[in-house]
Amino acid sequence: MDRKSHLLRGIPVMASLNIKKTVDFYQTKLGFDRIGYLDENYAVIGRDNFALHFWQCNNKMIPENTSCYVDVKDIDTLYEELLAFNVIHPNGKLEDKPYGMREFAILDNDGNLIKFGQELEEVPS
């Protein structure tokens, strides 16, 4: 069966324990500069060509067990930018992975894990 291309992009929908505090964290520490929607139960925020949605959650176990992956360019510069805000996951330092990605990870104020990755030009052997 021949399939047509329909999927355009993914937008993660993450849990927030406090929408206002989460939006503030993403604005001040991660450089998100667009708010598409905001109320006490839901938020849509963005940076560059990337958007995130957040829903109000009262169970901290949900964000602490949630993650998303973001493809980026110029990962070294982004890493240096976020390093200054002390948000890098202790086990998520910038490194080249054997599966062909250069990546690092952060934890947000609710415990959501976000990995940022850039494809390596050459896969390590």
N, C-alpha and C. Protein backbone atom coordinates (compact mmCIF):
# COMPACT_ATOMS: atom_id res chain seq x y z
N MET A 1 0.84 -1.18 0.00
CA MET A 1 0.00 0.00 0.00
C MET A 1 0.89 1.24 0.00
N ASP A 2 0.59 2.13 -0.87
CA ASP A 2 1.32 3.39 -0.98
C ASP A 2 0.67 4.41 -0.06
N ARG A 3 1.46 4.98 0.86
CA ARG A 3 0.91 5.97 1.80
C ARG A 3 1.30 7.37 1.40
N LYS A 4 0.38 8.27 1.56
CA LYS A 4 0.68 9.68 1.34
C LYS A 4 1.26 10.26 2.62
N SER A 5 1.99 11.32 2.49
CA SER A 5 2.59 12.00 3.63
C SER A 5 1.56 12.94 4.25
N HIS A 6 1.22 12.71 5.51
CA HIS A 6 0.24 13.53 6.19
C HIS A 6 0.79 14.22 7.44
N LEU A 7 1.70 13.59 8.15
CA LEU A 7 2.18 14.11 9.42
C LEU A 7 3.15 15.27 9.19
N LEU A 8 2.89 16.39 9.84
CA LEU A 8 3.70 17.58 9.62
C LEU A 8 4.70 17.85 10.74
N ARG A 9 4.26 17.77 11.98
CA ARG A 9 5.16 17.99 13.12
C ARG A 9 4.46 17.52 14.38
N GLY A 10 5.23 17.34 15.42
CA GLY A 10 4.67 16.97 16.72
C GLY A 10 4.80 18.13 17.69
N ILE A 11 3.83 18.27 18.56
CA ILE A 11 3.87 19.30 19.60
C ILE A 11 3.64 18.60 20.93
N PRO A 12 4.67 18.53 21.76
CA PRO A 12 4.50 17.86 23.06
C PRO A 12 3.48 18.57 23.94
N VAL A 13 2.71 17.78 24.66
CA VAL A 13 1.76 18.29 25.65
C VAL A 13 2.23 17.73 26.99
N MET A 14 2.75 18.61 27.84
CA MET A 14 3.40 18.21 29.08
C MET A 14 2.54 18.60 30.29
N ALA A 15 2.79 17.93 31.41
CA ALA A 15 2.07 18.22 32.64
C ALA A 15 2.75 19.37 33.40
N SER A 16 1.94 20.19 34.05
CA SER A 16 2.43 21.30 34.86
C SER A 16 1.74 21.26 36.21
N LEU A 17 2.51 21.44 37.28
CA LEU A 17 1.92 21.49 38.62
C LEU A 17 1.37 22.88 38.94
N ASN A 18 1.85 23.88 38.19
CA ASN A 18 1.37 25.25 38.36
C ASN A 18 1.65 25.97 37.04
N ILE A 19 0.63 26.21 36.25
CA ILE A 19 0.80 26.76 34.90
C ILE A 19 1.59 28.06 34.91
N LYS A 20 1.25 28.98 35.78
CA LYS A 20 1.94 30.28 35.82
C LYS A 20 3.43 30.10 36.12
N LYS A 21 3.77 29.28 37.10
CA LYS A 21 5.18 29.04 37.44
C LYS A 21 5.91 28.33 36.30
N THR A 22 5.24 27.41 35.64
CA THR A 22 5.87 26.70 34.52
C THR A 22 6.17 27.66 33.38
N VAL A 23 5.20 28.49 33.02
CA VAL A 23 5.42 29.46 31.94
C VAL A 23 6.55 30.41 32.31
N ASP A 24 6.60 30.88 33.54
CA ASP A 24 7.67 31.76 33.99
C ASP A 24 9.03 31.07 33.87
N PHE A 25 9.11 29.80 34.27
CA PHE A 25 10.36 29.04 34.16
C PHE A 25 10.82 28.98 32.71
N TYR A 26 9.93 28.64 31.81
CA TYR A 26 10.30 28.51 30.40
C TYR A 26 10.68 29.85 29.78
N GLN A 27 10.06 30.92 30.24
CA GLN A 27 10.42 32.24 29.73
C GLN A 27 11.79 32.69 30.26
N THR A 28 12.01 32.57 31.57
CA THR A 28 13.22 33.13 32.17
C THR A 28 14.44 32.22 32.04
N LYS A 29 14.25 30.92 32.04
CA LYS A 29 15.39 30.00 32.02
C LYS A 29 15.64 29.36 30.66
N LEU A 30 14.59 29.21 29.85
CA LEU A 30 14.75 28.51 28.57
C LEU A 30 14.52 29.40 27.35
N GLY A 31 14.22 30.67 27.58
CA GLY A 31 14.12 31.62 26.48
C GLY A 31 12.86 31.54 25.64
N PHE A 32 11.80 30.93 26.16
CA PHE A 32 10.55 30.90 25.41
C PHE A 32 9.95 32.30 25.44
N ASP A 33 9.69 32.83 24.26
CA ASP A 33 9.28 34.24 24.18
C ASP A 33 7.90 34.46 23.60
N ARG A 34 7.17 33.38 23.36
CA ARG A 34 5.82 33.52 22.82
C ARG A 34 4.82 32.80 23.70
N ILE A 35 3.74 33.47 24.00
CA ILE A 35 2.61 32.83 24.69
C ILE A 35 1.45 32.87 23.71
N GLY A 36 1.04 31.68 23.28
CA GLY A 36 -0.08 31.59 22.35
C GLY A 36 -1.42 31.51 23.07
N TYR A 37 -1.36 30.98 24.30
CA TYR A 37 -2.57 30.86 25.11
C TYR A 37 -2.14 30.65 26.55
N LEU A 38 -2.90 31.22 27.48
CA LEU A 38 -2.58 31.05 28.89
C LEU A 38 -3.82 31.26 29.75
N ASP A 39 -4.15 30.25 30.55
CA ASP A 39 -5.11 30.40 31.63
C ASP A 39 -4.64 29.52 32.78
N GLU A 40 -5.43 29.34 33.81
CA GLU A 40 -4.96 28.59 34.98
C GLU A 40 -4.86 27.08 34.74
N ASN A 41 -5.42 26.60 33.63
CA ASN A 41 -5.42 25.16 33.36
C ASN A 41 -4.64 24.73 32.13
N TYR A 42 -4.25 25.69 31.28
CA TYR A 42 -3.60 25.31 30.02
C TYR A 42 -2.73 26.45 29.52
N ALA A 43 -1.63 26.10 28.86
CA ALA A 43 -0.76 27.11 28.26
C ALA A 43 -0.18 26.57 26.96
N VAL A 44 0.03 27.48 26.04
CA VAL A 44 0.73 27.20 24.79
C VAL A 44 1.83 28.23 24.69
N ILE A 45 3.08 27.76 24.66
CA ILE A 45 4.22 28.68 24.62
C ILE A 45 5.17 28.25 23.50
N GLY A 46 6.05 29.17 23.08
CA GLY A 46 6.95 28.84 22.00
C GLY A 46 8.26 29.58 22.05
N ARG A 47 9.21 29.00 21.35
CA ARG A 47 10.52 29.60 21.12
C ARG A 47 10.97 29.16 19.73
N ASP A 48 11.46 30.09 18.96
CA ASP A 48 11.90 29.80 17.59
C ASP A 48 10.74 29.12 16.84
N ASN A 49 10.98 27.93 16.29
CA ASN A 49 9.93 27.20 15.57
C ASN A 49 9.33 26.07 16.40
N PHE A 50 9.51 26.13 17.71
CA PHE A 50 9.08 25.04 18.58
C PHE A 50 7.99 25.52 19.53
N ALA A 51 6.97 24.68 19.72
CA ALA A 51 5.88 25.00 20.64
C ALA A 51 5.71 23.87 21.65
N LEU A 52 5.27 24.24 22.82
CA LEU A 52 4.92 23.30 23.89
C LEU A 52 3.55 23.65 24.42
N HIS A 53 2.79 22.64 24.77
CA HIS A 53 1.52 22.83 25.46
C HIS A 53 1.67 22.27 26.87
N PHE A 54 1.03 22.89 27.84
CA PHE A 54 1.03 22.41 29.22
C PHE A 54 -0.40 22.34 29.74
N TRP A 55 -0.70 21.28 30.46
CA TRP A 55 -1.99 21.13 31.12
C TRP A 55 -1.78 21.05 32.61
N GLN A 56 -2.72 21.59 33.36
CA GLN A 56 -2.65 21.61 34.83
C GLN A 56 -2.79 20.19 35.37
N CYS A 57 -1.88 19.81 36.24
CA CYS A 57 -1.85 18.48 36.82
C CYS A 57 -1.59 18.61 38.32
N ASN A 58 -2.21 17.77 39.11
CA ASN A 58 -2.01 17.83 40.56
C ASN A 58 -1.21 16.64 41.10
N ASN A 59 -0.70 15.80 40.23
CA ASN A 59 0.05 14.61 40.63
C ASN A 59 1.49 14.76 40.15
N LYS A 60 2.43 15.03 41.06
CA LYS A 60 3.82 15.28 40.67
C LYS A 60 4.49 14.08 40.00
N MET A 61 3.92 12.91 40.18
CA MET A 61 4.49 11.72 39.55
C MET A 61 4.35 11.77 38.02
N ILE A 62 3.35 12.48 37.53
CA ILE A 62 3.15 12.54 36.07
C ILE A 62 4.28 13.32 35.40
N PRO A 63 4.55 14.59 35.77
CA PRO A 63 5.66 15.26 35.10
C PRO A 63 7.02 14.62 35.40
N GLU A 64 7.17 14.04 36.56
CA GLU A 64 8.45 13.41 36.91
C GLU A 64 8.70 12.14 36.10
N ASN A 65 7.71 11.68 35.36
CA ASN A 65 7.85 10.49 34.52
C ASN A 65 7.49 10.79 33.07
N THR A 66 7.66 12.05 32.67
CA THR A 66 7.34 12.48 31.33
C THR A 66 8.58 13.10 30.69
N SER A 67 8.70 12.91 29.38
CA SER A 67 9.83 13.52 28.67
C SER A 67 9.44 13.81 27.23
N CYS A 68 10.25 14.63 26.58
CA CYS A 68 10.10 14.85 25.15
C CYS A 68 11.49 15.08 24.56
N TYR A 69 11.58 14.95 23.26
CA TYR A 69 12.85 15.10 22.53
C TYR A 69 12.68 16.22 21.51
N VAL A 70 13.66 17.12 21.45
CA VAL A 70 13.60 18.27 20.56
C VAL A 70 14.82 18.26 19.64
N ASP A 71 14.58 18.20 18.34
CA ASP A 71 15.67 18.34 17.37
C ASP A 71 16.06 19.81 17.30
N VAL A 72 17.37 20.08 17.36
CA VAL A 72 17.85 21.46 17.34
C VAL A 72 19.01 21.60 16.35
N LYS A 73 19.39 22.84 16.09
CA LYS A 73 20.62 23.12 15.36
C LYS A 73 21.50 23.97 16.26
N ASP A 74 22.81 23.93 16.02
CA ASP A 74 23.79 24.66 16.83
C ASP A 74 23.65 24.30 18.31
N ILE A 75 23.67 23.01 18.58
CA ILE A 75 23.42 22.50 19.93
C ILE A 75 24.45 22.98 20.95
N ASP A 76 25.68 23.18 20.53
CA ASP A 76 26.71 23.62 21.47
C ASP A 76 26.39 25.01 22.04
N THR A 77 25.91 25.91 21.19
CA THR A 77 25.54 27.25 21.63
C THR A 77 24.34 27.19 22.57
N LEU A 78 23.33 26.39 22.21
CA LEU A 78 22.16 26.24 23.08
C LEU A 78 22.56 25.67 24.43
N TYR A 79 23.45 24.69 24.44
CA TYR A 79 23.92 24.09 25.69
C TYR A 79 24.56 25.15 26.58
N GLU A 80 25.44 25.95 26.01
CA GLU A 80 26.11 27.01 26.79
C GLU A 80 25.09 28.01 27.35
N GLU A 81 24.09 28.34 26.55
CA GLU A 81 23.05 29.27 26.99
C GLU A 81 22.31 28.71 28.21
N LEU A 82 21.90 27.44 28.14
CA LEU A 82 21.11 26.85 29.21
C LEU A 82 21.96 26.44 30.42
N LEU A 83 23.23 26.18 30.20
CA LEU A 83 24.14 25.86 31.30
C LEU A 83 24.18 26.99 32.32
N ALA A 84 24.11 28.21 31.85
CA ALA A 84 24.15 29.38 32.74
C ALA A 84 22.95 29.44 33.69
N PHE A 85 21.85 28.75 33.36
CA PHE A 85 20.65 28.78 34.19
C PHE A 85 20.53 27.57 35.11
N ASN A 86 21.56 26.74 35.15
CA ASN A 86 21.61 25.60 36.06
C ASN A 86 20.41 24.66 35.89
N VAL A 87 20.05 24.37 34.65
CA VAL A 87 18.91 23.49 34.38
C VAL A 87 19.32 22.17 33.74
N ILE A 88 20.61 21.99 33.49
CA ILE A 88 21.08 20.75 32.85
C ILE A 88 20.89 19.59 33.82
N HIS A 89 20.32 18.52 33.32
CA HIS A 89 20.11 17.31 34.14
C HIS A 89 21.49 16.77 34.56
N PRO A 90 21.64 16.33 35.82
CA PRO A 90 22.95 15.83 36.28
C PRO A 90 23.51 14.70 35.40
N ASN A 91 22.66 13.90 34.81
CA ASN A 91 23.11 12.82 33.92
C ASN A 91 22.89 13.17 32.45
N GLY A 92 22.69 14.44 32.16
CA GLY A 92 22.36 14.85 30.80
C GLY A 92 23.31 15.83 30.18
N LYS A 93 24.58 15.76 30.52
CA LYS A 93 25.57 16.67 29.95
C LYS A 93 25.70 16.45 28.45
N LEU A 94 26.14 17.46 27.74
CA LEU A 94 26.29 17.40 26.29
C LEU A 94 27.30 16.33 25.90
N GLU A 95 26.88 15.42 25.02
CA GLU A 95 27.79 14.39 24.54
C GLU A 95 27.27 13.77 23.24
N ASP A 96 28.21 13.16 22.53
CA ASP A 96 27.87 12.43 21.31
C ASP A 96 27.43 11.03 21.69
N LYS A 97 26.31 10.62 21.13
CA LYS A 97 25.75 9.31 21.43
C LYS A 97 26.06 8.33 20.31
N PRO A 98 26.15 7.02 20.63
CA PRO A 98 26.48 6.03 19.61
C PRO A 98 25.42 5.88 18.52
N TYR A 99 24.23 6.40 18.75
CA TYR A 99 23.17 6.30 17.75
C TYR A 99 23.12 7.52 16.83
N GLY A 100 24.21 8.31 16.84
CA GLY A 100 24.35 9.38 15.85
C GLY A 100 23.80 10.74 16.23
N MET A 101 23.59 10.96 17.52
CA MET A 101 23.08 12.26 17.96
C MET A 101 24.04 12.88 18.96
N ARG A 102 24.14 14.20 18.93
CA ARG A 102 24.83 14.98 19.97
C ARG A 102 23.69 15.56 20.78
N GLU A 103 23.68 15.30 22.09
CA GLU A 103 22.51 15.69 22.86
C GLU A 103 22.83 16.01 24.32
N PHE A 104 21.86 16.70 24.95
CA PHE A 104 21.89 16.96 26.38
C PHE A 104 20.44 17.01 26.86
N ALA A 105 20.27 17.03 28.19
CA ALA A 105 18.92 17.01 28.76
C ALA A 105 18.81 18.03 29.88
N ILE A 106 17.58 18.54 30.05
CA ILE A 106 17.28 19.44 31.15
C ILE A 106 16.07 18.91 31.92
N LEU A 107 15.95 19.37 33.14
CA LEU A 107 14.74 19.13 33.93
C LEU A 107 14.06 20.48 34.13
N ASP A 108 12.75 20.53 33.89
CA ASP A 108 12.07 21.79 34.16
C ASP A 108 11.64 21.84 35.63
N ASN A 109 10.97 22.90 36.03
CA ASN A 109 10.61 23.11 37.43
C ASN A 109 9.59 22.09 37.94
N ASP A 110 8.93 21.37 37.06
CA ASP A 110 7.96 20.35 37.48
C ASP A 110 8.54 18.94 37.44
N GLY A 111 9.72 18.79 36.85
CA GLY A 111 10.34 17.47 36.74
C GLY A 111 10.26 16.85 35.37
N ASN A 112 9.64 17.53 34.40
CA ASN A 112 9.63 17.04 33.02
C ASN A 112 11.05 17.02 32.48
N LEU A 113 11.43 15.94 31.82
CA LEU A 113 12.74 15.81 31.20
C LEU A 113 12.62 16.20 29.73
N ILE A 114 13.48 17.11 29.29
CA ILE A 114 13.51 17.49 27.89
C ILE A 114 14.91 17.25 27.36
N LYS A 115 14.98 16.43 26.32
CA LYS A 115 16.26 16.15 25.65
C LYS A 115 16.33 16.98 24.38
N PHE A 116 17.49 17.58 24.16
CA PHE A 116 17.76 18.34 22.96
C PHE A 116 18.83 17.58 22.17
N GLY A 117 18.61 17.40 20.89
CA GLY A 117 19.57 16.64 20.09
C GLY A 117 19.78 17.20 18.71
N GLN A 118 21.00 16.98 18.23
CA GLN A 118 21.37 17.37 16.86
C GLN A 118 22.07 16.18 16.23
N GLU A 119 21.67 15.88 15.01
CA GLU A 119 22.27 14.74 14.31
C GLU A 119 23.73 15.00 14.04
N LEU A 120 24.57 13.99 14.33
CA LEU A 120 26.00 14.08 14.06
C LEU A 120 26.24 13.93 12.56
N GLU A 121 27.25 14.61 12.09
CA GLU A 121 27.58 14.46 10.67
C GLU A 121 28.16 13.09 10.41
N GLU A 122 28.92 12.59 11.36
CA GLU A 122 29.47 11.24 11.25
C GLU A 122 29.10 10.47 12.52
N VAL A 123 28.56 9.29 12.35
CA VAL A 123 28.19 8.46 13.51
C VAL A 123 29.47 7.86 14.09
N PRO A 124 29.66 7.99 15.44
CA PRO A 124 30.86 7.42 16.06
C PRO A 124 30.91 5.90 15.90
N SER A 125 32.13 5.37 15.77
CA SER A 125 32.25 3.90 15.64
C SER A 125 32.61 3.25 16.93
